[in-house]
Amino acid sequence: MSGVVLEGLVAARGTRRVLDGVSASFPPGRVTGLVGTNGEGKSTLLRVLCGLLRPTAGGGSVLGHPLDAPHRYVHRVGAVIDGPALLDGHSVRRNAEVVAASAGVPAGRAAEALEQVGLAGASAVRAGRLSMGMRQRLSLATVLLRDPDVVLLDEPTNGLDPVAVLGLATIIRAAAAEGRCVVVTSHDVHLLERVCDRVIVLRGGRAVHEGELAELLGGPPAPPAVPGLADRLGALMAPAGASGMGVVA
């Protein structure tokens, strides 16, 4: 696997350039956090990577295939964008089985994926009765059962309590440990600190910072001089000349 590489990527929504020359890399076996204030193009970038939106200009590659040829790699990309998409009237097991059948993978993968995310004991429960944390786990199971090489997660901890966040973080780390390229967008600093190896900060349609999380935490304190990840990311996301903006935890 070669992960994802972007080279001057431009993508527009209507007449507005949401991404305006993004160059960045997302290596396999690592969790990369994609960070930015609302409207900076995080979700747009994920949509480009899974073939839902065509780039306007620029290029790059996904798993060694050209970015503008999604038919060559999209079957190896798993994504949860805009929240869990589940069959609420059906059981947890049936949700996983339907996805397995549509993906053409062995039926046994459904049970394996539910075990992987800690939902084996709830397989008979209707999806509509699950807590938000369990719904996120089920969404991840439907992604992982297809054994994707790239996993894209858009704000996976929205609405989750701290215990659910910890459980989800463990699953995300395990996915990367198996060699997958994992990309997470989040405003949850606690999740970023727990799961990310690397961080890419989007501002003004471009990647203004890319590097190891440890380097970001170990660098010079961002004003105000509080050595926390929220303050450092806030300073990177703030418009030029503005004071640092705290990241919502």
C-alpha atoms as a PDB file:
ATOM      1  CA  MET A   1       0.000   0.000   0.000  1.00  0.00           C
ATOM      2  CA  SER A   2       1.148   3.520  -0.803  1.00  0.00           C
ATOM      3  CA  GLY A   3      -1.472   5.562   1.041  1.00  0.00           C
ATOM      4  CA  VAL A   4      -2.714   8.878  -0.307  1.00  0.00           C
ATOM      5  CA  VAL A   5      -0.730  11.727  -1.867  1.00  0.00           C
ATOM      6  CA  LEU A   6      -2.218  15.093  -2.865  1.00  0.00           C
ATOM      7  CA  GLU A   7      -0.474  17.555  -5.176  1.00  0.00           C
ATOM      8  CA  GLY A   8      -1.988  21.024  -5.522  1.00  0.00           C
ATOM      9  CA  LEU A   9      -5.525  19.688  -5.175  1.00  0.00           C
ATOM     10  CA  VAL A  10      -8.306  22.140  -6.071  1.00  0.00           C
ATOM     11  CA  ALA A  11     -11.974  21.331  -5.446  1.00  0.00           C
ATOM     12  CA  ALA A  12     -14.995  23.598  -5.696  1.00  0.00           C
ATOM     13  CA  ARG A  13     -18.553  23.548  -4.357  1.00  0.00           C
ATOM     14  CA  GLY A  14     -20.518  25.666  -6.799  1.00  0.00           C
ATOM     15  CA  THR A  15     -18.426  28.733  -7.623  1.00  0.00           C
ATOM     16  CA  ARG A  16     -16.400  28.611  -4.400  1.00  0.00           C
ATOM     17  CA  ARG A  17     -12.996  26.974  -4.256  1.00  0.00           C
ATOM     18  CA  VAL A  18     -13.145  25.039  -0.999  1.00  0.00           C
ATOM     19  CA  LEU A  19      -9.741  23.446  -1.529  1.00  0.00           C
ATOM     20  CA  ASP A  20      -7.262  25.712  -3.255  1.00  0.00           C
ATOM     21  CA  GLY A  21      -3.990  23.909  -3.852  1.00  0.00           C
ATOM     22  CA  VAL A  22      -3.750  21.291  -1.093  1.00  0.00           C
ATOM     23  CA  SER A  23      -0.540  19.264  -1.078  1.00  0.00           C
ATOM     24  CA  ALA A  24      -0.248  16.611   1.621  1.00  0.00           C
ATOM     25  CA  SER A  25       0.385  12.928   2.231  1.00  0.00           C
ATOM     26  CA  PHE A  26      -1.469  10.290   4.226  1.00  0.00           C
ATOM     27  CA  PRO A  27       0.796   7.261   4.767  1.00  0.00           C
ATOM     28  CA  PRO A  28      -0.383   3.705   5.408  1.00  0.00           C
ATOM     29  CA  GLY A  29      -0.222   2.299   8.912  1.00  0.00           C
ATOM     30  CA  ARG A  30      -0.764   5.747  10.439  1.00  0.00           C
ATOM     31  CA  VAL A  31      -3.720   7.765  11.687  1.00  0.00           C
ATOM     32  CA  THR A  32      -3.708  11.265  10.191  1.00  0.00           C
ATOM     33  CA  GLY A  33      -5.905  13.925  11.779  1.00  0.00           C
ATOM     34  CA  LEU A  34      -7.391  16.447   9.345  1.00  0.00           C
ATOM     35  CA  VAL A  35      -8.074  19.619  11.305  1.00  0.00           C
ATOM     36  CA  GLY A  36      -9.573  23.010  10.500  1.00  0.00           C
ATOM     37  CA  THR A  37     -12.372  25.363  11.433  1.00  0.00           C
ATOM     38  CA  ASN A  38     -15.843  24.844   9.931  1.00  0.00           C
ATOM     39  CA  GLY A  39     -15.937  25.379   6.176  1.00  0.00           C
ATOM     40  CA  GLU A  40     -12.220  24.811   5.553  1.00  0.00           C
ATOM     41  CA  GLY A  41     -12.829  21.770   3.349  1.00  0.00           C
ATOM     42  CA  LYS A  42     -12.243  18.745   5.575  1.00  0.00           C
ATOM     43  CA  SER A  43     -15.379  16.905   4.483  1.00  0.00           C
ATOM     44  CA  THR A  44     -14.885  18.077   0.903  1.00  0.00           C
ATOM     45  CA  LEU A  45     -11.434  16.498   0.846  1.00  0.00           C
ATOM     46  CA  LEU A  46     -12.853  13.188   2.100  1.00  0.00           C
ATOM     47  CA  ARG A  47     -15.503  13.284  -0.613  1.00  0.00           C
ATOM     48  CA  VAL A  48     -12.791  13.715  -3.237  1.00  0.00           C
ATOM     49  CA  LEU A  49     -10.841  10.777  -1.828  1.00  0.00           C
ATOM     50  CA  CYS A  50     -13.814   8.413  -1.993  1.00  0.00           C
ATOM     51  CA  GLY A  51     -14.839   9.483  -5.494  1.00  0.00           C
ATOM     52  CA  LEU A  52     -17.960  11.472  -4.576  1.00  0.00           C
ATOM     53  CA  LEU A  53     -16.550  14.782  -5.840  1.00  0.00           C
ATOM     54  CA  ARG A  54     -14.292  15.364  -8.828  1.00  0.00           C
ATOM     55  CA  PRO A  55     -11.314  17.660  -8.292  1.00  0.00           C
ATOM     56  CA  THR A  56     -11.246  20.875 -10.312  1.00  0.00           C
ATOM     57  CA  ALA A  57      -7.475  20.898 -10.743  1.00  0.00           C
ATOM     58  CA  GLY A  58      -4.313  19.457  -9.288  1.00  0.00           C
ATOM     59  CA  GLY A  59      -3.784  15.775  -8.741  1.00  0.00           C
ATOM     60  CA  GLY A  60      -2.408  13.051  -6.586  1.00  0.00           C
ATOM     61  CA  SER A  61      -2.881   9.357  -6.024  1.00  0.00           C
ATOM     62  CA  VAL A  62      -4.781   6.905  -3.854  1.00  0.00           C
ATOM     63  CA  LEU A  63      -3.079   3.535  -3.321  1.00  0.00           C
ATOM     64  CA  GLY A  64      -0.885   4.254  -6.325  1.00  0.00           C
ATOM     65  CA  HIS A  65      -3.777   5.065  -8.678  1.00  0.00           C
ATOM     66  CA  PRO A  66      -4.462   8.538 -10.119  1.00  0.00           C
ATOM     67  CA  LEU A  67      -6.873  10.589  -8.053  1.00  0.00           C
ATOM     68  CA  ASP A  68      -8.983  11.321 -11.143  1.00  0.00           C
ATOM     69  CA  ALA A  69      -9.576   7.586 -11.741  1.00  0.00           C
ATOM     70  CA  PRO A  70     -11.623   6.619  -8.650  1.00  0.00           C
ATOM     71  CA  HIS A  71     -12.982   3.485 -10.356  1.00  0.00           C
ATOM     72  CA  ARG A  72      -9.514   1.990  -9.924  1.00  0.00           C
ATOM     73  CA  TYR A  73      -9.315   2.400  -6.152  1.00  0.00           C
ATOM     74  CA  VAL A  74     -12.695   3.289  -4.622  1.00  0.00           C
ATOM     75  CA  HIS A  75     -13.496  -0.371  -3.840  1.00  0.00           C
ATOM     76  CA  ARG A  76     -10.499  -0.305  -1.474  1.00  0.00           C
ATOM     77  CA  VAL A  77     -11.696   2.815   0.369  1.00  0.00           C
ATOM     78  CA  GLY A  78     -14.104   2.675   3.306  1.00  0.00           C
ATOM     79  CA  ALA A  79     -15.746   5.845   4.602  1.00  0.00           C
ATOM     80  CA  VAL A  80     -18.199   7.146   7.181  1.00  0.00           C
ATOM     81  CA  ILE A  81     -19.233  10.654   6.085  1.00  0.00           C
ATOM     82  CA  ASP A  82     -22.212  12.664   7.370  1.00  0.00           C
ATOM     83  CA  GLY A  83     -22.799  10.256  10.243  1.00  0.00           C
ATOM     84  CA  PRO A  84     -23.873   6.603  10.398  1.00  0.00           C
ATOM     85  CA  ALA A  85     -26.080   5.355   7.532  1.00  0.00           C
ATOM     86  CA  LEU A  86     -27.901   2.368   9.040  1.00  0.00           C
ATOM     87  CA  LEU A  87     -31.052   0.315   8.518  1.00  0.00           C
ATOM     88  CA  ASP A  88     -32.736   1.263  11.779  1.00  0.00           C
ATOM     89  CA  GLY A  89     -35.517  -1.303  11.478  1.00  0.00           C
ATOM     90  CA  HIS A  90     -33.091  -4.199  11.167  1.00  0.00           C
ATOM     91  CA  SER A  91     -30.782  -5.856  13.655  1.00  0.00           C
ATOM     92  CA  VAL A  92     -27.111  -5.086  14.090  1.00  0.00           C
ATOM     93  CA  ARG A  93     -26.295  -8.461  12.520  1.00  0.00           C
ATOM     94  CA  ARG A  94     -28.569  -7.840   9.529  1.00  0.00           C
ATOM     95  CA  ASN A  95     -27.008  -4.425   8.891  1.00  0.00           C
ATOM     96  CA  ALA A  96     -23.577  -6.029   8.695  1.00  0.00           C
ATOM     97  CA  GLU A  97     -24.834  -8.913   6.555  1.00  0.00           C
ATOM     98  CA  VAL A  98     -26.459  -6.572   4.022  1.00  0.00           C
ATOM     99  CA  VAL A  99     -23.212  -4.643   3.579  1.00  0.00           C
ATOM    100  CA  ALA A 100     -21.215  -7.873   3.313  1.00  0.00           C
ATOM    101  CA  ALA A 101     -23.546  -9.181   0.602  1.00  0.00           C
ATOM    102  CA  SER A 102     -23.438  -5.924  -1.377  1.00  0.00           C
ATOM    103  CA  ALA A 103     -19.643  -5.858  -1.158  1.00  0.00           C
ATOM    104  CA  GLY A 104     -19.352  -9.480  -2.271  1.00  0.00           C
ATOM    105  CA  VAL A 105     -17.375 -10.565   0.784  1.00  0.00           C
ATOM    106  CA  PRO A 106     -17.933 -13.863   2.661  1.00  0.00           C
ATOM    107  CA  ALA A 107     -20.940 -13.778   5.012  1.00  0.00           C
ATOM    108  CA  GLY A 108     -18.689 -14.736   7.905  1.00  0.00           C
ATOM    109  CA  ARG A 109     -16.973 -11.353   7.697  1.00  0.00           C
ATOM    110  CA  ALA A 110     -20.084  -9.712   9.152  1.00  0.00           C
ATOM    111  CA  ALA A 111     -19.761 -11.605  12.433  1.00  0.00           C
ATOM    112  CA  GLU A 112     -16.001 -11.068  12.513  1.00  0.00           C
ATOM    113  CA  ALA A 113     -16.397  -7.306  12.064  1.00  0.00           C
ATOM    114  CA  LEU A 114     -19.004  -7.083  14.825  1.00  0.00           C
ATOM    115  CA  GLU A 115     -16.624  -8.927  17.130  1.00  0.00           C
ATOM    116  CA  GLN A 116     -13.838  -6.567  16.095  1.00  0.00           C
ATOM    117  CA  VAL A 117     -15.793  -3.491  17.217  1.00  0.00           C
ATOM    118  CA  GLY A 118     -17.267  -5.077  20.342  1.00  0.00           C
ATOM    119  CA  LEU A 119     -20.838  -5.516  19.089  1.00  0.00           C
ATOM    120  CA  ALA A 120     -21.063  -9.313  18.945  1.00  0.00           C
ATOM    121  CA  GLY A 121     -23.187  -9.329  22.106  1.00  0.00           C
ATOM    122  CA  ALA A 122     -25.653  -6.840  20.603  1.00  0.00           C
ATOM    123  CA  SER A 123     -26.064  -8.507  17.196  1.00  0.00           C
ATOM    124  CA  ALA A 124     -29.817  -9.125  17.713  1.00  0.00           C
ATOM    125  CA  VAL A 125     -30.601  -5.531  18.766  1.00  0.00           C
ATOM    126  CA  ARG A 126     -32.346  -3.284  16.240  1.00  0.00           C
ATOM    127  CA  ALA A 127     -30.033  -0.567  14.956  1.00  0.00           C
ATOM    128  CA  GLY A 128     -32.636   2.076  15.779  1.00  0.00           C
ATOM    129  CA  ARG A 129     -32.297   1.250  19.483  1.00  0.00           C
ATOM    130  CA  LEU A 130     -28.536   1.669  19.656  1.00  0.00           C
ATOM    131  CA  SER A 131     -26.823   4.498  21.508  1.00  0.00           C
ATOM    132  CA  MET A 132     -24.848   6.970  19.396  1.00  0.00           C
ATOM    133  CA  GLY A 133     -21.593   5.309  20.425  1.00  0.00           C
ATOM    134  CA  MET A 134     -22.855   1.872  19.374  1.00  0.00           C
ATOM    135  CA  ARG A 135     -24.141   3.311  16.086  1.00  0.00           C
ATOM    136  CA  GLN A 136     -20.665   4.651  15.354  1.00  0.00           C
ATOM    137  CA  ARG A 137     -19.215   1.212  16.162  1.00  0.00           C
ATOM    138  CA  LEU A 138     -21.674  -0.447  13.793  1.00  0.00           C
ATOM    139  CA  SER A 139     -20.775   2.026  11.043  1.00  0.00           C
ATOM    140  CA  LEU A 140     -17.112   1.178  11.553  1.00  0.00           C
ATOM    141  CA  ALA A 141     -17.926  -2.530  11.415  1.00  0.00           C
ATOM    142  CA  THR A 142     -19.640  -2.090   8.033  1.00  0.00           C
ATOM    143  CA  VAL A 143     -16.506  -0.315   6.789  1.00  0.00           C
ATOM    144  CA  LEU A 144     -13.971  -2.764   8.207  1.00  0.00           C
ATOM    145  CA  LEU A 145     -15.747  -5.933   7.053  1.00  0.00           C
ATOM    146  CA  ARG A 146     -14.789  -4.987   3.489  1.00  0.00           C
ATOM    147  CA  ASP A 147     -11.133  -4.916   4.584  1.00  0.00           C
ATOM    148  CA  PRO A 148     -10.359  -1.501   3.019  1.00  0.00           C
ATOM    149  CA  ASP A 149      -6.833  -0.165   2.638  1.00  0.00           C
ATOM    150  CA  VAL A 150      -7.980   3.429   3.270  1.00  0.00           C
ATOM    151  CA  VAL A 151     -10.436   4.382   6.042  1.00  0.00           C
ATOM    152  CA  LEU A 152     -12.005   7.876   6.079  1.00  0.00           C
ATOM    153  CA  LEU A 153     -13.903   8.990   9.203  1.00  0.00           C
ATOM    154  CA  ASP A 154     -15.678  12.353   9.293  1.00  0.00           C
ATOM    155  CA  GLU A 155     -16.247  13.623  12.867  1.00  0.00           C
ATOM    156  CA  PRO A 156     -16.652  10.088  14.294  1.00  0.00           C
ATOM    157  CA  THR A 157     -17.098  11.242  17.909  1.00  0.00           C
ATOM    158  CA  ASN A 158     -19.993  13.672  17.380  1.00  0.00           C
ATOM    159  CA  GLY A 159     -22.484  13.150  20.205  1.00  0.00           C
ATOM    160  CA  LEU A 160     -20.401  10.546  22.030  1.00  0.00           C
ATOM    161  CA  ASP A 161     -19.755  10.439  25.764  1.00  0.00           C
ATOM    162  CA  PRO A 162     -16.143  10.104  27.051  1.00  0.00           C
ATOM    163  CA  VAL A 163     -16.393   6.339  27.538  1.00  0.00           C
ATOM    164  CA  ALA A 164     -17.663   5.844  23.976  1.00  0.00           C
ATOM    165  CA  VAL A 165     -14.850   8.054  22.658  1.00  0.00           C
ATOM    166  CA  LEU A 166     -12.251   5.854  24.365  1.00  0.00           C
ATOM    167  CA  GLY A 167     -13.770   2.728  22.850  1.00  0.00           C
ATOM    168  CA  LEU A 168     -13.870   4.258  19.388  1.00  0.00           C
ATOM    169  CA  ALA A 169     -10.268   5.433  19.707  1.00  0.00           C
ATOM    170  CA  THR A 170      -9.141   1.857  20.394  1.00  0.00           C
ATOM    171  CA  ILE A 171     -10.871   0.614  17.243  1.00  0.00           C
ATOM    172  CA  ILE A 172      -9.337   3.386  15.114  1.00  0.00           C
ATOM    173  CA  ARG A 173      -5.822   2.675  16.414  1.00  0.00           C
ATOM    174  CA  ALA A 174      -6.280  -1.037  15.725  1.00  0.00           C
ATOM    175  CA  ALA A 175      -7.333  -0.307  12.125  1.00  0.00           C
ATOM    176  CA  ALA A 176      -4.106   1.612  11.506  1.00  0.00           C
ATOM    177  CA  ALA A 177      -2.019  -1.041  13.265  1.00  0.00           C
ATOM    178  CA  GLU A 178      -3.185  -3.507  10.593  1.00  0.00           C
ATOM    179  CA  GLY A 179      -1.508  -1.317   7.947  1.00  0.00           C
ATOM    180  CA  ARG A 180      -4.458   0.785   6.836  1.00  0.00           C
ATOM    181  CA  CYS A 181      -4.237   4.460   5.933  1.00  0.00           C
ATOM    182  CA  VAL A 182      -6.677   6.089   8.367  1.00  0.00           C
ATOM    183  CA  VAL A 183      -7.859   9.708   8.034  1.00  0.00           C
ATOM    184  CA  VAL A 184      -9.943  11.295  10.798  1.00  0.00           C
ATOM    185  CA  THR A 185     -11.539  14.741  10.796  1.00  0.00           C
ATOM    186  CA  SER A 186     -12.457  15.993  14.246  1.00  0.00           C
ATOM    187  CA  HIS A 187     -12.873  18.996  16.527  1.00  0.00           C
ATOM    188  CA  ASP A 188     -12.355  16.655  19.484  1.00  0.00           C
ATOM    189  CA  VAL A 189      -8.840  17.410  20.710  1.00  0.00           C
ATOM    190  CA  HIS A 190      -8.929  14.502  23.153  1.00  0.00           C
ATOM    191  CA  LEU A 191      -9.556  12.079  20.282  1.00  0.00           C
ATOM    192  CA  LEU A 192      -6.793  13.654  18.184  1.00  0.00           C
ATOM    193  CA  GLU A 193      -4.302  13.296  21.024  1.00  0.00           C
ATOM    194  CA  ARG A 194      -5.316   9.699  21.646  1.00  0.00           C
ATOM    195  CA  VAL A 195      -5.404   8.308  18.090  1.00  0.00           C
ATOM    196  CA  CYS A 196      -3.375  10.485  15.706  1.00  0.00           C
ATOM    197  CA  ASP A 197       0.209   9.929  14.624  1.00  0.00           C
ATOM    198  CA  ARG A 198       0.149  12.938  12.336  1.00  0.00           C
ATOM    199  CA  VAL A 199      -1.855  16.151  11.892  1.00  0.00           C
ATOM    200  CA  ILE A 200      -2.683  18.198   8.797  1.00  0.00           C
ATOM    201  CA  VAL A 201      -4.222  21.641   9.368  1.00  0.00           C
ATOM    202  CA  LEU A 202      -6.365  23.227   6.651  1.00  0.00           C
ATOM    203  CA  ARG A 203      -6.766  26.989   6.470  1.00  0.00           C
ATOM    204  CA  GLY A 204      -7.782  29.158   3.541  1.00  0.00           C
ATOM    205  CA  GLY A 205      -8.184  26.098   1.327  1.00  0.00           C
ATOM    206  CA  ARG A 206      -4.598  24.952   1.827  1.00  0.00           C
ATOM    207  CA  ALA A 207      -2.604  22.700   4.126  1.00  0.00           C
ATOM    208  CA  VAL A 208      -0.770  25.181   6.363  1.00  0.00           C
ATOM    209  CA  HIS A 209       0.759  22.524   8.594  1.00  0.00           C
ATOM    210  CA  GLU A 210       1.656  18.861   8.144  1.00  0.00           C
ATOM    211  CA  GLY A 211       3.697  16.842  10.590  1.00  0.00           C
ATOM    212  CA  GLU A 212       3.957  14.376  13.422  1.00  0.00           C
ATOM    213  CA  LEU A 213       1.698  15.003  16.390  1.00  0.00           C
ATOM    214  CA  ALA A 214       4.678  14.587  18.709  1.00  0.00           C
ATOM    215  CA  GLU A 215       6.508  17.382  16.868  1.00  0.00           C
ATOM    216  CA  LEU A 216       3.517  19.689  17.205  1.00  0.00           C
ATOM    217  CA  LEU A 217       3.278  19.045  20.937  1.00  0.00           C
ATOM    218  CA  GLY A 218       7.016  19.373  21.412  1.00  0.00           C
ATOM    219  CA  GLY A 219       7.513  22.587  19.457  1.00  0.00           C
ATOM    220  CA  PRO A 220       7.544  26.168  20.757  1.00  0.00           C
ATOM    221  CA  PRO A 221       4.369  27.049  22.661  1.00  0.00           C
ATOM    222  CA  ALA A 222       1.739  28.790  20.602  1.00  0.00           C
ATOM    223  CA  PRO A 223       0.409  32.073  22.037  1.00  0.00           C
ATOM    224  CA  PRO A 224      -0.966  32.131  24.617  1.00  0.00           C
ATOM    225  CA  ALA A 225       1.898  30.098  26.052  1.00  0.00           C
ATOM    226  CA  VAL A 226      -0.072  27.031  27.100  1.00  0.00           C
ATOM    227  CA  PRO A 227       1.537  23.798  25.830  1.00  0.00           C
ATOM    228  CA  GLY A 228      -1.757  22.116  25.005  1.00  0.00           C
ATOM    229  CA  LEU A 229      -2.794  20.684  21.649  1.00  0.00           C
ATOM    230  CA  ALA A 230      -5.948  22.850  21.534  1.00  0.00           C
ATOM    231  CA  ASP A 231      -3.919  26.065  21.754  1.00  0.00           C
ATOM    232  CA  ARG A 232      -1.345  24.931  19.199  1.00  0.00           C
ATOM    233  CA  LEU A 233      -3.980  23.848  16.669  1.00  0.00           C
ATOM    234  CA  GLY A 234      -6.000  26.989  17.333  1.00  0.00           C
ATOM    235  CA  ALA A 235      -3.029  29.172  16.497  1.00  0.00           C
ATOM    236  CA  LEU A 236      -2.451  27.284  13.241  1.00  0.00           C
ATOM    237  CA  MET A 237      -6.106  27.556  12.178  1.00  0.00           C
ATOM    238  CA  ALA A 238      -6.517  31.243  13.051  1.00  0.00           C
ATOM    239  CA  PRO A 239      -6.484  33.727  10.140  1.00  0.00           C
ATOM    240  CA  ALA A 240      -3.259  35.686   9.755  1.00  0.00           C
ATOM    241  CA  GLY A 241      -3.042  38.422  12.359  1.00  0.00           C
ATOM    242  CA  ALA A 242      -5.752  36.947  14.567  1.00  0.00           C
ATOM    243  CA  SER A 243      -5.244  35.573  18.037  1.00  0.00           C
ATOM    244  CA  GLY A 244      -5.306  31.806  18.589  1.00  0.00           C
ATOM    245  CA  MET A 245      -8.736  30.193  18.548  1.00  0.00           C
ATOM    246  CA  GLY A 246      -9.426  27.353  20.927  1.00  0.00           C
ATOM    247  CA  VAL A 247     -10.532  24.051  19.417  1.00  0.00           C
ATOM    248  CA  VAL A 248     -13.816  22.742  20.732  1.00  0.00           C
ATOM    249  CA  ALA A 249     -13.122  19.660  22.837  1.00  0.00           C
END
